[in-house]
Amino acid sequence: MFLTFLSDLGLEDASLGVCKGVIARIAPDVTVLDILHLVHVQDVEHGAGVLASALPYLPAPAVHLALVDPFRTVPARGIAVRTADGSTFVAPDNGLTSQAWQAAGGAVEAHVLDNPSLWMPDAARTFRARDVFSPVAARLAAGLPLEQVGTAVSVADLERLELRPPSVDDDHVHAEVEQVDHFGNLTLNVQRHHLEAAGILLGDDVELRCGGKSQRVRFTVTYGEVPPGRVALCEDSFRTITVAVNQGSAAKVLRARRADPVVIARVHAVPQVAAGPVRVYDEAPSTATA
């Protein structure tokens, strides 16, 4: 069984290594696949988007451990959710995995992680990643039946994140930056059909408004079709519309961050004025009268 792992634990300290150590001690034969551990700190929406986009490329069935757990006075309960493809998602009940459930066929069964016999001894409230989520995920990956993790709950009662789709207003698409990747590319919450609804087709020039700047860019197949240092609008490998700079960083050029608004507008062709004969004088025409 594969166990995939996404979190905001980072790489600067031992937190991630400790969690993976707990998993290895409990389930040494399970293969752990790291998706991302640099999710923006406590940014549940960022983690949810990354997991959902990655899921079609991950093994199935699998156990998916996702940990972005902003601290609350009353912490989000831990849950294990079985999906139609046989996978199990282990995460806080804060909507983190709700978008990924759909990519896995939809949620069909859920249990609260309230069986402390599966946790680490003397579990700390401030490090549930190590003491609750990691050991439970490891046991599930090693074959533990789902119902043994705790109390069954209705799938309808689980918290979900609502997607914020772009809006098409005549010849404009109002969007936002969903992710900024390692190269500074800006992934938008836009698909090609949104652009087409605004009359924007591949190869067209568009007006791009982002980060307080407005510029004319080309909608291309890849950013390699524009000169180095130039901005392009294109589809990324997930078929999502992206703003990129050839051999550069769109985030730096446009001073853009995740969740920033973006407007993509169709550039209307300027009709040419009908040409007519033009009389050219070598010298000023005479104004004399008879």
Protein backbone atom coordinates (compact mmCIF):
# COMPACT_ATOMS: atom_id res chain seq x y z
CA MET A 1 0.00 0.00 0.00
CA PHE A 2 1.13 3.54 -0.76
CA LEU A 3 0.83 6.37 1.74
CA THR A 4 0.98 9.85 0.22
CA PHE A 5 1.87 12.79 2.43
CA LEU A 6 1.10 16.50 2.04
CA SER A 7 1.64 19.12 4.74
CA ASP A 8 2.76 22.60 5.73
CA LEU A 9 5.43 21.18 8.07
CA GLY A 10 8.26 22.62 5.98
CA LEU A 11 11.85 21.44 5.74
CA GLU A 12 13.55 23.72 8.26
CA ASP A 13 13.24 21.52 11.35
CA ALA A 14 12.69 17.90 12.39
CA SER A 15 8.88 17.91 12.38
CA LEU A 16 8.49 16.23 9.00
CA GLY A 17 11.20 13.66 9.69
CA VAL A 18 9.66 12.79 13.05
CA CYS A 19 6.24 12.17 11.45
CA LYS A 20 7.79 9.96 8.78
CA GLY A 21 9.74 8.16 11.49
CA VAL A 22 6.49 7.35 13.33
CA ILE A 23 5.03 5.99 10.09
CA ALA A 24 8.12 3.86 9.43
CA ARG A 25 8.13 2.38 12.94
CA ILE A 26 4.47 1.33 12.65
CA ALA A 27 4.39 0.33 8.98
CA PRO A 28 7.95 -0.27 7.73
CA ASP A 29 6.75 -1.95 4.51
CA VAL A 30 4.55 0.95 3.43
CA THR A 31 5.89 3.23 0.68
CA VAL A 32 5.57 6.94 1.53
CA LEU A 33 5.19 9.35 -1.41
CA ASP A 34 5.79 13.01 -0.57
CA ILE A 35 3.52 15.39 -2.48
CA LEU A 36 4.45 18.74 -0.91
CA HIS A 37 5.53 19.90 2.53
CA LEU A 38 5.84 23.58 1.67
CA VAL A 39 2.13 24.36 1.63
CA HIS A 40 1.77 27.95 2.80
CA VAL A 41 1.66 27.83 6.59
CA GLN A 42 -1.88 27.14 7.84
CA ASP A 43 -3.28 27.84 4.35
CA VAL A 44 -5.94 25.15 4.02
CA GLU A 45 -7.11 26.38 0.61
CA HIS A 46 -3.59 26.14 -0.83
CA GLY A 47 -3.16 22.59 0.45
CA ALA A 48 -6.58 21.56 -0.82
CA GLY A 49 -5.84 22.84 -4.32
CA VAL A 50 -2.45 21.14 -4.52
CA LEU A 51 -3.82 17.79 -3.33
CA ALA A 52 -6.80 17.85 -5.69
CA SER A 53 -4.62 18.67 -8.72
CA ALA A 54 -2.08 15.96 -7.85
CA LEU A 55 -4.55 13.19 -7.09
CA PRO A 56 -5.17 11.97 -10.67
CA TYR A 57 -1.44 11.16 -10.89
CA LEU A 58 -1.19 9.28 -7.58
CA PRO A 59 -1.65 5.52 -7.06
CA ALA A 60 -5.11 4.27 -6.17
CA PRO A 61 -6.22 2.96 -3.87
CA ALA A 62 -3.89 4.58 -1.33
CA VAL A 63 -3.92 6.23 2.06
CA HIS A 64 -3.58 10.01 1.68
CA LEU A 65 -2.28 11.81 4.76
CA ALA A 66 -2.87 15.58 4.56
CA LEU A 67 -1.85 17.90 7.40
CA VAL A 68 -2.61 21.61 7.29
CA ASP A 69 -4.15 22.20 10.69
CA PRO A 70 -4.54 25.82 11.83
CA PHE A 71 -4.76 25.83 15.62
CA ARG A 72 -8.19 26.62 17.02
CA THR A 73 -9.52 26.95 20.56
CA VAL A 74 -11.49 23.80 19.73
CA PRO A 75 -9.27 21.89 17.28
CA ALA A 76 -10.79 20.47 14.10
CA ARG A 77 -11.54 16.82 14.69
CA GLY A 78 -9.43 14.26 12.91
CA ILE A 79 -11.21 12.17 10.29
CA ALA A 80 -10.59 9.23 8.00
CA VAL A 81 -12.69 9.30 4.82
CA ARG A 82 -13.08 6.39 2.39
CA THR A 83 -13.71 7.29 -1.23
CA ALA A 84 -15.29 5.36 -4.10
CA ASP A 85 -11.91 4.31 -5.53
CA GLY A 86 -11.01 2.56 -2.24
CA SER A 87 -8.62 5.25 -1.02
CA THR A 88 -8.65 6.69 2.49
CA PHE A 89 -7.97 10.31 3.37
CA VAL A 90 -6.63 11.07 6.86
CA ALA A 91 -6.78 14.75 7.73
CA PRO A 92 -8.32 17.39 9.98
CA ASP A 93 -12.01 18.01 9.31
CA ASN A 94 -11.42 21.51 7.91
CA GLY A 95 -12.09 20.92 4.21
CA LEU A 96 -8.47 20.17 3.36
CA THR A 97 -9.24 16.95 1.48
CA SER A 98 -12.79 17.75 0.34
CA GLN A 99 -11.82 18.75 -3.20
CA ALA A 100 -9.67 15.65 -3.61
CA TRP A 101 -12.57 13.36 -2.65
CA GLN A 102 -14.30 14.26 -5.90
CA ALA A 103 -11.24 13.29 -7.94
CA ALA A 104 -11.32 9.93 -6.11
CA GLY A 105 -14.95 9.25 -6.95
CA GLY A 106 -16.57 10.96 -3.97
CA ALA A 107 -16.67 10.28 -0.22
CA VAL A 108 -18.65 7.19 0.79
CA GLU A 109 -17.73 6.60 4.46
CA ALA A 110 -16.19 8.60 7.30
CA HIS A 111 -14.94 8.00 10.85
CA VAL A 112 -13.64 10.33 13.55
CA LEU A 113 -10.14 9.56 14.85
CA ASP A 114 -11.30 9.10 18.44
CA ASN A 115 -9.71 5.75 19.30
CA PRO A 116 -6.72 6.82 21.45
CA SER A 117 -5.31 3.28 21.53
CA LEU A 118 -4.06 3.96 17.99
CA TRP A 119 -2.29 7.20 18.91
CA MET A 120 1.16 7.75 20.31
CA PRO A 121 1.27 7.56 24.13
CA ASP A 122 0.61 10.89 25.91
CA ALA A 123 -0.41 12.58 22.66
CA ALA A 124 0.37 16.30 22.64
CA ARG A 125 -2.40 18.74 21.68
CA THR A 126 0.10 20.89 19.80
CA PHE A 127 1.62 18.13 17.63
CA ARG A 128 -1.28 16.01 16.42
CA ALA A 129 0.57 15.48 13.15
CA ARG A 130 3.05 13.27 14.98
CA ASP A 131 0.87 11.79 17.72
CA VAL A 132 -2.53 11.24 16.09
CA PHE A 133 -2.62 11.59 12.31
CA SER A 134 0.68 9.86 11.40
CA PRO A 135 0.15 6.72 13.51
CA VAL A 136 -3.45 6.30 12.40
CA ALA A 137 -2.53 6.75 8.71
CA ALA A 138 0.31 4.26 9.08
CA ARG A 139 -1.98 1.66 10.64
CA LEU A 140 -4.56 2.10 7.89
CA ALA A 141 -1.86 1.74 5.23
CA ALA A 142 -0.74 -1.45 6.97
CA GLY A 143 -4.24 -2.91 6.73
CA LEU A 144 -6.21 -1.68 9.75
CA PRO A 145 -9.98 -1.74 8.98
CA LEU A 146 -11.37 1.77 8.68
CA GLU A 147 -14.08 1.29 11.30
CA GLN A 148 -11.48 0.70 14.01
CA VAL A 149 -10.15 4.28 13.91
CA GLY A 150 -13.24 5.61 15.70
CA THR A 151 -16.87 6.66 15.57
CA ALA A 152 -18.68 6.61 12.24
CA VAL A 153 -20.09 9.96 11.08
CA SER A 154 -22.22 11.02 8.15
CA VAL A 155 -20.32 12.13 5.06
CA ALA A 156 -22.84 14.97 4.78
CA ASP A 157 -21.61 16.41 8.10
CA LEU A 158 -17.99 16.81 6.98
CA GLU A 159 -16.60 20.28 6.36
CA ARG A 160 -16.05 21.23 2.74
CA LEU A 161 -14.22 24.03 0.97
CA GLU A 162 -16.21 25.85 -1.65
CA LEU A 163 -14.38 26.54 -4.90
CA ARG A 164 -14.26 30.14 -6.10
CA PRO A 165 -14.72 29.88 -9.85
CA PRO A 166 -13.79 32.70 -12.22
CA SER A 167 -16.51 34.91 -13.63
CA VAL A 168 -16.92 35.79 -17.29
CA ASP A 169 -18.24 39.29 -17.95
CA ASP A 170 -18.71 39.79 -21.67
CA ASP A 171 -15.11 40.02 -22.96
CA HIS A 172 -13.43 39.87 -19.52
CA VAL A 173 -12.54 36.96 -17.22
CA HIS A 174 -12.22 37.86 -13.53
CA ALA A 175 -9.95 35.31 -11.87
CA GLU A 176 -7.43 34.88 -9.06
CA VAL A 177 -4.03 33.34 -8.50
CA GLU A 178 -4.52 29.87 -7.03
CA GLN A 179 -0.87 28.89 -6.71
CA VAL A 180 2.63 30.27 -7.25
CA ASP A 181 5.03 27.47 -8.09
CA HIS A 182 8.78 27.11 -7.57
CA PHE A 183 9.50 28.90 -10.86
CA GLY A 184 7.23 31.85 -10.12
CA ASN A 185 4.49 30.75 -12.53
CA LEU A 186 1.01 31.94 -11.53
CA THR A 187 -1.63 29.21 -11.73
CA LEU A 188 -5.09 30.75 -12.13
CA ASN A 189 -8.50 29.32 -11.29
CA VAL A 190 -9.25 29.37 -15.03
CA GLN A 191 -9.66 26.75 -17.73
CA ARG A 192 -9.52 27.31 -21.48
CA HIS A 193 -13.32 27.21 -21.80
CA HIS A 194 -13.59 30.28 -19.56
CA LEU A 195 -11.37 32.23 -21.95
CA GLU A 196 -13.30 30.98 -24.95
CA ALA A 197 -16.54 32.15 -23.33
CA ALA A 198 -15.03 35.65 -23.36
CA GLY A 199 -14.11 35.30 -27.03
CA ILE A 200 -10.42 34.64 -26.35
CA LEU A 201 -8.85 31.96 -28.53
CA LEU A 202 -5.38 30.43 -28.66
CA GLY A 203 -3.02 32.84 -30.40
CA ASP A 204 -4.98 35.95 -29.44
CA ASP A 205 -3.51 38.93 -27.68
CA VAL A 206 -5.14 39.77 -24.34
CA GLU A 207 -4.90 42.56 -21.81
CA LEU A 208 -3.65 41.13 -18.53
CA ARG A 209 -4.26 43.11 -15.34
CA CYS A 210 -2.41 41.79 -12.31
CA GLY A 211 -0.36 43.18 -9.45
CA GLY A 212 -1.29 46.76 -10.28
CA LYS A 213 0.03 46.37 -13.82
CA SER A 214 -1.72 46.14 -17.17
CA GLN A 215 0.01 44.74 -20.22
CA ARG A 216 -0.72 43.12 -23.53
CA VAL A 217 0.35 39.48 -23.73
CA ARG A 218 -0.21 36.54 -26.07
CA PHE A 219 -2.31 33.45 -25.26
CA THR A 220 0.12 30.73 -26.37
CA VAL A 221 0.52 26.97 -26.16
CA THR A 222 3.66 27.37 -24.00
CA TYR A 223 5.64 30.30 -22.61
CA GLY A 224 8.52 29.18 -24.83
CA GLU A 225 6.73 30.84 -27.74
CA VAL A 226 7.50 34.34 -26.47
CA PRO A 227 10.97 35.92 -26.24
CA PRO A 228 12.99 35.49 -23.00
CA GLY A 229 11.79 37.83 -20.29
CA ARG A 230 8.33 38.27 -21.84
CA VAL A 231 5.04 37.40 -20.14
CA ALA A 232 2.72 34.81 -21.69
CA LEU A 233 -0.66 33.32 -20.91
CA CYS A 234 -0.71 29.57 -21.49
CA GLU A 235 -1.94 26.17 -20.26
CA ASP A 236 0.19 24.29 -17.76
CA SER A 237 0.64 20.52 -17.54
CA PHE A 238 -2.63 20.22 -15.58
CA ARG A 239 -4.59 22.03 -18.36
CA THR A 240 -4.98 25.07 -16.14
CA ILE A 241 -4.40 28.61 -17.39
CA THR A 242 -1.10 30.01 -16.13
CA VAL A 243 0.76 33.30 -16.34
CA ALA A 244 4.45 32.65 -16.97
CA VAL A 245 7.61 34.44 -18.03
CA ASN A 246 10.01 32.76 -20.43
CA GLN A 247 13.22 32.22 -18.41
CA GLY A 248 11.88 34.36 -15.60
CA SER A 249 9.38 34.63 -12.74
CA ALA A 250 5.89 35.96 -13.36
CA ALA A 251 5.44 36.41 -9.60
CA LYS A 252 8.39 38.82 -9.52
CA VAL A 253 7.60 40.62 -12.75
CA LEU A 254 3.96 41.19 -11.79
CA ARG A 255 4.54 41.37 -8.02
CA ALA A 256 1.75 38.84 -7.59
CA ARG A 257 0.93 36.41 -4.80
CA ARG A 258 -1.57 33.64 -4.18
CA ALA A 259 -5.19 34.87 -4.01
CA ASP A 260 -4.39 38.10 -5.90
CA PRO A 261 -7.09 39.12 -8.39
CA VAL A 262 -6.40 38.87 -12.12
CA VAL A 263 -8.41 40.22 -15.04
CA ILE A 264 -7.97 38.85 -18.57
CA ALA A 265 -9.61 40.95 -21.26
CA ARG A 266 -10.01 40.33 -24.96
CA VAL A 267 -8.17 42.83 -27.15
CA HIS A 268 -10.53 44.01 -29.85
CA ALA A 269 -9.12 44.43 -33.34
CA VAL A 270 -9.14 48.04 -34.53
CA PRO A 271 -10.96 48.22 -37.89
CA GLN A 272 -8.91 49.71 -40.66
CA VAL A 273 -10.25 52.96 -42.14
CA ALA A 274 -11.34 52.46 -45.73
CA ALA A 275 -8.53 53.68 -47.94
CA GLY A 276 -9.19 56.16 -50.74
CA PRO A 277 -7.08 58.05 -53.30
CA VAL A 278 -4.93 60.72 -51.73
CA ARG A 279 -4.00 63.77 -53.79
CA VAL A 280 -0.47 64.96 -53.15
CA TYR A 281 0.51 68.53 -54.02
CA ASP A 282 4.05 69.54 -54.86
CA GLU A 283 3.19 72.99 -53.65
CA ALA A 284 0.20 74.55 -51.99
CA PRO A 285 -2.88 74.57 -54.22
CA SER A 286 -3.87 77.96 -55.68
CA THR A 287 -6.65 79.82 -53.93
CA ALA A 288 -6.94 82.49 -56.66
CA THR A 289 -10.36 83.18 -58.10
CA ALA A 290 -11.30 84.48 -61.53
